[in-house]
Amino acid sequence: MSTNAWLKVILVVWVLGFLVLACGPAIAADGIGGTLIGGAFGLILAGALGIPWVLGVALLLFLIWLTNPRGRGRGRDDRSRDELDLDDRYPR
């Protein structure tokens, strides 16, 4: 698996992990009648982790962009591979 693919997996885990941390207390306290307390705790936790989470998402998106494979026909040539001449395909 490439570095770019691993970074995408980490981004998904990062986003879902934040949602579990922020919403988990309210969901866990729902069965015992403490939704308000759990929601307040989740709000405080989400507020404390909000800025680091946004910075982490921005960093991961930048690293994904940085490790994106280049040179697969984007901007180099509008013709398909079959339309290229042999001289273009195999320069001397």
N, C-alpha and C. Protein backbone atom coordinates (compact mmCIF):
# COMPACT_ATOMS: atom_id res chain seq x y z
N MET A 1 0.84 -1.16 0.00
CA MET A 1 0.00 0.00 0.00
C MET A 1 0.90 1.24 0.00
N SER A 2 0.55 2.22 -0.81
CA SER A 2 1.38 3.40 -0.95
C SER A 2 1.21 4.34 0.25
N THR A 3 2.13 5.27 0.35
CA THR A 3 2.06 6.27 1.41
C THR A 3 0.78 7.08 1.30
N ASN A 4 0.40 7.42 0.09
CA ASN A 4 -0.82 8.20 -0.13
C ASN A 4 -2.04 7.44 0.36
N ALA A 5 -2.11 6.16 0.10
CA ALA A 5 -3.25 5.36 0.55
C ALA A 5 -3.27 5.25 2.07
N TRP A 6 -2.11 5.10 2.70
CA TRP A 6 -2.05 5.04 4.16
C TRP A 6 -2.50 6.36 4.78
N LEU A 7 -2.11 7.47 4.16
CA LEU A 7 -2.54 8.77 4.68
C LEU A 7 -4.05 8.94 4.58
N LYS A 8 -4.65 8.40 3.54
CA LYS A 8 -6.10 8.46 3.41
C LYS A 8 -6.78 7.63 4.49
N VAL A 9 -6.22 6.48 4.81
CA VAL A 9 -6.77 5.64 5.88
C VAL A 9 -6.64 6.36 7.22
N ILE A 10 -5.49 6.98 7.46
CA ILE A 10 -5.28 7.73 8.70
C ILE A 10 -6.26 8.89 8.80
N LEU A 11 -6.55 9.56 7.67
CA LEU A 11 -7.51 10.66 7.67
C LEU A 11 -8.90 10.18 8.07
N VAL A 12 -9.31 9.04 7.55
CA VAL A 12 -10.63 8.49 7.91
C VAL A 12 -10.67 8.13 9.39
N VAL A 13 -9.63 7.51 9.90
CA VAL A 13 -9.57 7.16 11.32
C VAL A 13 -9.57 8.42 12.18
N TRP A 14 -8.86 9.46 11.75
CA TRP A 14 -8.79 10.72 12.48
C TRP A 14 -10.17 11.37 12.59
N VAL A 15 -10.89 11.42 11.47
CA VAL A 15 -12.21 12.04 11.45
C VAL A 15 -13.20 11.22 12.29
N LEU A 16 -13.23 9.92 12.08
CA LEU A 16 -14.17 9.08 12.83
C LEU A 16 -13.82 9.02 14.31
N GLY A 17 -12.53 9.04 14.63
CA GLY A 17 -12.11 9.04 16.03
C GLY A 17 -12.59 10.28 16.77
N PHE A 18 -12.52 11.43 16.09
CA PHE A 18 -13.01 12.66 16.72
C PHE A 18 -14.51 12.59 16.96
N LEU A 19 -15.23 12.05 16.00
CA LEU A 19 -16.68 11.92 16.17
C LEU A 19 -17.02 10.99 17.33
N VAL A 20 -16.29 9.92 17.47
CA VAL A 20 -16.54 8.99 18.58
C VAL A 20 -16.23 9.65 19.91
N LEU A 21 -15.12 10.41 19.98
CA LEU A 21 -14.78 11.09 21.22
C LEU A 21 -15.77 12.19 21.57
N ALA A 22 -16.24 12.92 20.56
CA ALA A 22 -17.14 14.04 20.82
C ALA A 22 -18.56 13.58 21.12
N CYS A 23 -19.03 12.55 20.43
CA CYS A 23 -20.42 12.11 20.60
C CYS A 23 -20.55 10.92 21.54
N GLY A 24 -19.46 10.26 21.83
CA GLY A 24 -19.50 9.06 22.66
C GLY A 24 -20.10 9.26 24.03
N PRO A 25 -19.71 10.31 24.77
CA PRO A 25 -20.29 10.47 26.11
C PRO A 25 -21.81 10.64 26.10
N ALA A 26 -22.33 11.37 25.15
CA ALA A 26 -23.79 11.56 25.09
C ALA A 26 -24.50 10.26 24.74
N ILE A 27 -23.91 9.50 23.85
CA ILE A 27 -24.52 8.22 23.45
C ILE A 27 -24.42 7.21 24.59
N ALA A 28 -23.27 7.18 25.27
CA ALA A 28 -23.08 6.22 26.36
C ALA A 28 -23.97 6.55 27.55
N ALA A 29 -24.21 7.83 27.81
CA ALA A 29 -25.01 8.22 28.96
C ALA A 29 -26.50 8.17 28.68
N ASP A 30 -26.89 7.94 27.45
CA ASP A 30 -28.31 7.94 27.09
C ASP A 30 -29.08 6.84 27.81
N GLY A 31 -28.49 5.69 27.95
CA GLY A 31 -29.19 4.57 28.57
C GLY A 31 -29.39 4.71 30.07
N ILE A 32 -28.56 5.54 30.71
CA ILE A 32 -28.66 5.67 32.17
C ILE A 32 -29.31 7.00 32.58
N GLY A 33 -29.88 7.72 31.62
CA GLY A 33 -30.58 8.95 31.94
C GLY A 33 -29.69 10.17 32.11
N GLY A 34 -28.47 10.09 31.72
CA GLY A 34 -27.55 11.22 31.88
C GLY A 34 -27.19 11.87 30.57
N THR A 35 -28.12 11.98 29.64
CA THR A 35 -27.84 12.54 28.33
C THR A 35 -27.34 13.98 28.43
N LEU A 36 -27.91 14.76 29.30
CA LEU A 36 -27.49 16.15 29.45
C LEU A 36 -26.06 16.24 29.97
N ILE A 37 -25.74 15.43 30.95
CA ILE A 37 -24.38 15.43 31.50
C ILE A 37 -23.39 14.89 30.46
N GLY A 38 -23.77 13.80 29.80
CA GLY A 38 -22.90 13.24 28.76
C GLY A 38 -22.73 14.20 27.60
N GLY A 39 -23.80 14.89 27.21
CA GLY A 39 -23.70 15.86 26.13
C GLY A 39 -22.82 17.03 26.49
N ALA A 40 -22.94 17.49 27.74
CA ALA A 40 -22.09 18.59 28.21
C ALA A 40 -20.62 18.17 28.22
N PHE A 41 -20.36 16.95 28.70
CA PHE A 41 -18.98 16.44 28.71
C PHE A 41 -18.45 16.30 27.28
N GLY A 42 -19.28 15.81 26.38
CA GLY A 42 -18.87 15.69 24.98
C GLY A 42 -18.61 17.04 24.34
N LEU A 43 -19.41 18.04 24.69
CA LEU A 43 -19.21 19.39 24.15
C LEU A 43 -17.89 19.98 24.64
N ILE A 44 -17.60 19.78 25.92
CA ILE A 44 -16.33 20.26 26.47
C ILE A 44 -15.16 19.54 25.81
N LEU A 45 -15.28 18.23 25.66
CA LEU A 45 -14.22 17.44 25.03
C LEU A 45 -14.03 17.84 23.57
N ALA A 46 -15.13 18.02 22.84
CA ALA A 46 -15.03 18.43 21.43
C ALA A 46 -14.45 19.83 21.32
N GLY A 47 -14.81 20.72 22.24
CA GLY A 47 -14.25 22.07 22.22
C GLY A 47 -12.75 22.07 22.47
N ALA A 48 -12.32 21.24 23.38
CA ALA A 48 -10.89 21.17 23.70
C ALA A 48 -10.09 20.54 22.57
N LEU A 49 -10.68 19.59 21.88
CA LEU A 49 -9.95 18.89 20.82
C LEU A 49 -10.25 19.45 19.43
N GLY A 50 -11.09 20.46 19.33
CA GLY A 50 -11.50 20.99 18.03
C GLY A 50 -10.37 21.57 17.21
N ILE A 51 -9.58 22.46 17.82
CA ILE A 51 -8.48 23.11 17.09
C ILE A 51 -7.41 22.09 16.68
N PRO A 52 -6.95 21.20 17.58
CA PRO A 52 -5.98 20.19 17.12
C PRO A 52 -6.55 19.28 16.03
N TRP A 53 -7.86 19.01 16.09
CA TRP A 53 -8.46 18.16 15.07
C TRP A 53 -8.44 18.85 13.71
N VAL A 54 -8.79 20.13 13.67
CA VAL A 54 -8.78 20.88 12.41
C VAL A 54 -7.36 20.96 11.86
N LEU A 55 -6.39 21.22 12.73
CA LEU A 55 -5.00 21.27 12.28
C LEU A 55 -4.54 19.91 11.75
N GLY A 56 -4.96 18.84 12.41
CA GLY A 56 -4.60 17.49 11.95
C GLY A 56 -5.21 17.17 10.60
N VAL A 57 -6.47 17.56 10.40
CA VAL A 57 -7.11 17.33 9.10
C VAL A 57 -6.39 18.12 8.01
N ALA A 58 -6.06 19.37 8.29
CA ALA A 58 -5.36 20.20 7.31
C ALA A 58 -3.99 19.61 6.98
N LEU A 59 -3.27 19.14 7.99
CA LEU A 59 -1.96 18.53 7.76
C LEU A 59 -2.08 17.25 6.94
N LEU A 60 -3.04 16.41 7.28
CA LEU A 60 -3.22 15.16 6.53
C LEU A 60 -3.63 15.44 5.08
N LEU A 61 -4.51 16.41 4.85
CA LEU A 61 -4.89 16.74 3.48
C LEU A 61 -3.70 17.28 2.70
N PHE A 62 -2.85 18.09 3.34
CA PHE A 62 -1.65 18.59 2.67
C PHE A 62 -0.70 17.44 2.33
N LEU A 63 -0.51 16.50 3.25
CA LEU A 63 0.38 15.37 2.99
C LEU A 63 -0.19 14.46 1.90
N ILE A 64 -1.51 14.29 1.87
CA ILE A 64 -2.13 13.50 0.80
C ILE A 64 -1.90 14.18 -0.54
N TRP A 65 -2.07 15.50 -0.59
CA TRP A 65 -1.82 16.24 -1.82
C TRP A 65 -0.35 16.13 -2.23
N LEU A 66 0.56 16.21 -1.24
CA LEU A 66 1.98 16.18 -1.51
C LEU A 66 2.44 14.81 -2.04
N THR A 67 1.84 13.73 -1.55
CA THR A 67 2.25 12.38 -1.97
C THR A 67 1.39 11.83 -3.10
N ASN A 68 0.51 12.66 -3.66
CA ASN A 68 -0.33 12.21 -4.76
C ASN A 68 0.53 11.84 -5.97
N PRO A 69 0.32 10.66 -6.56
CA PRO A 69 1.14 10.27 -7.71
C PRO A 69 0.94 11.24 -8.87
N ARG A 70 2.05 11.65 -9.44
CA ARG A 70 1.99 12.59 -10.56
C ARG A 70 2.48 11.93 -11.84
N GLY A 71 2.21 12.57 -12.95
CA GLY A 71 2.73 12.10 -14.22
C GLY A 71 1.89 11.04 -14.88
N ARG A 72 0.62 10.95 -14.57
CA ARG A 72 -0.23 9.95 -15.20
C ARG A 72 -1.09 10.60 -16.27
N GLY A 73 -0.50 11.48 -17.05
CA GLY A 73 -1.22 12.09 -18.14
C GLY A 73 -1.88 13.40 -17.80
N ARG A 74 -1.83 13.81 -16.55
CA ARG A 74 -2.47 15.05 -16.16
C ARG A 74 -1.61 16.22 -16.62
N GLY A 75 -2.10 16.98 -17.58
CA GLY A 75 -1.42 18.18 -18.02
C GLY A 75 -0.25 17.94 -18.95
N ARG A 76 0.16 16.73 -19.15
CA ARG A 76 1.30 16.47 -20.02
C ARG A 76 0.88 16.38 -21.47
N ASP A 77 -0.17 15.62 -21.73
CA ASP A 77 -0.58 15.40 -23.10
C ASP A 77 -2.06 15.02 -23.10
N ASP A 78 -2.83 15.62 -23.98
CA ASP A 78 -4.26 15.35 -24.01
C ASP A 78 -4.60 14.09 -24.80
N ARG A 79 -3.64 13.57 -25.56
CA ARG A 79 -3.91 12.37 -26.37
C ARG A 79 -3.82 11.11 -25.50
N SER A 80 -4.55 10.07 -25.91
CA SER A 80 -4.47 8.81 -25.19
C SER A 80 -3.19 8.09 -25.58
N ARG A 81 -2.88 7.03 -24.88
CA ARG A 81 -1.64 6.29 -25.18
C ARG A 81 -1.65 5.68 -26.57
N ASP A 82 -2.82 5.26 -27.04
CA ASP A 82 -2.90 4.65 -28.37
C ASP A 82 -2.66 5.66 -29.48
N GLU A 83 -2.94 6.93 -29.22
CA GLU A 83 -2.76 7.95 -30.24
C GLU A 83 -1.33 8.45 -30.33
N LEU A 84 -0.48 8.12 -29.37
CA LEU A 84 0.90 8.59 -29.40
C LEU A 84 1.70 7.82 -30.44
N ASP A 85 2.60 8.51 -31.09
CA ASP A 85 3.49 7.85 -32.05
C ASP A 85 4.56 7.07 -31.29
N LEU A 86 5.18 6.14 -31.99
CA LEU A 86 6.25 5.37 -31.36
C LEU A 86 7.40 6.27 -30.96
N ASP A 87 7.65 7.33 -31.75
CA ASP A 87 8.74 8.25 -31.41
C ASP A 87 8.43 8.99 -30.11
N ASP A 88 7.15 9.30 -29.88
CA ASP A 88 6.77 9.97 -28.65
C ASP A 88 6.85 9.02 -27.46
N ARG A 89 6.51 7.77 -27.73
CA ARG A 89 6.47 6.80 -26.65
C ARG A 89 7.88 6.32 -26.26
N TYR A 90 8.75 6.16 -27.25
CA TYR A 90 10.10 5.65 -27.02
C TYR A 90 11.11 6.62 -27.62
N PRO A 91 11.45 7.70 -26.91
CA PRO A 91 12.41 8.65 -27.46
C PRO A 91 13.79 8.05 -27.56
N ARG A 92 14.56 8.53 -28.51
CA ARG A 92 15.91 7.98 -28.71
C ARG A 92 16.94 8.71 -27.91
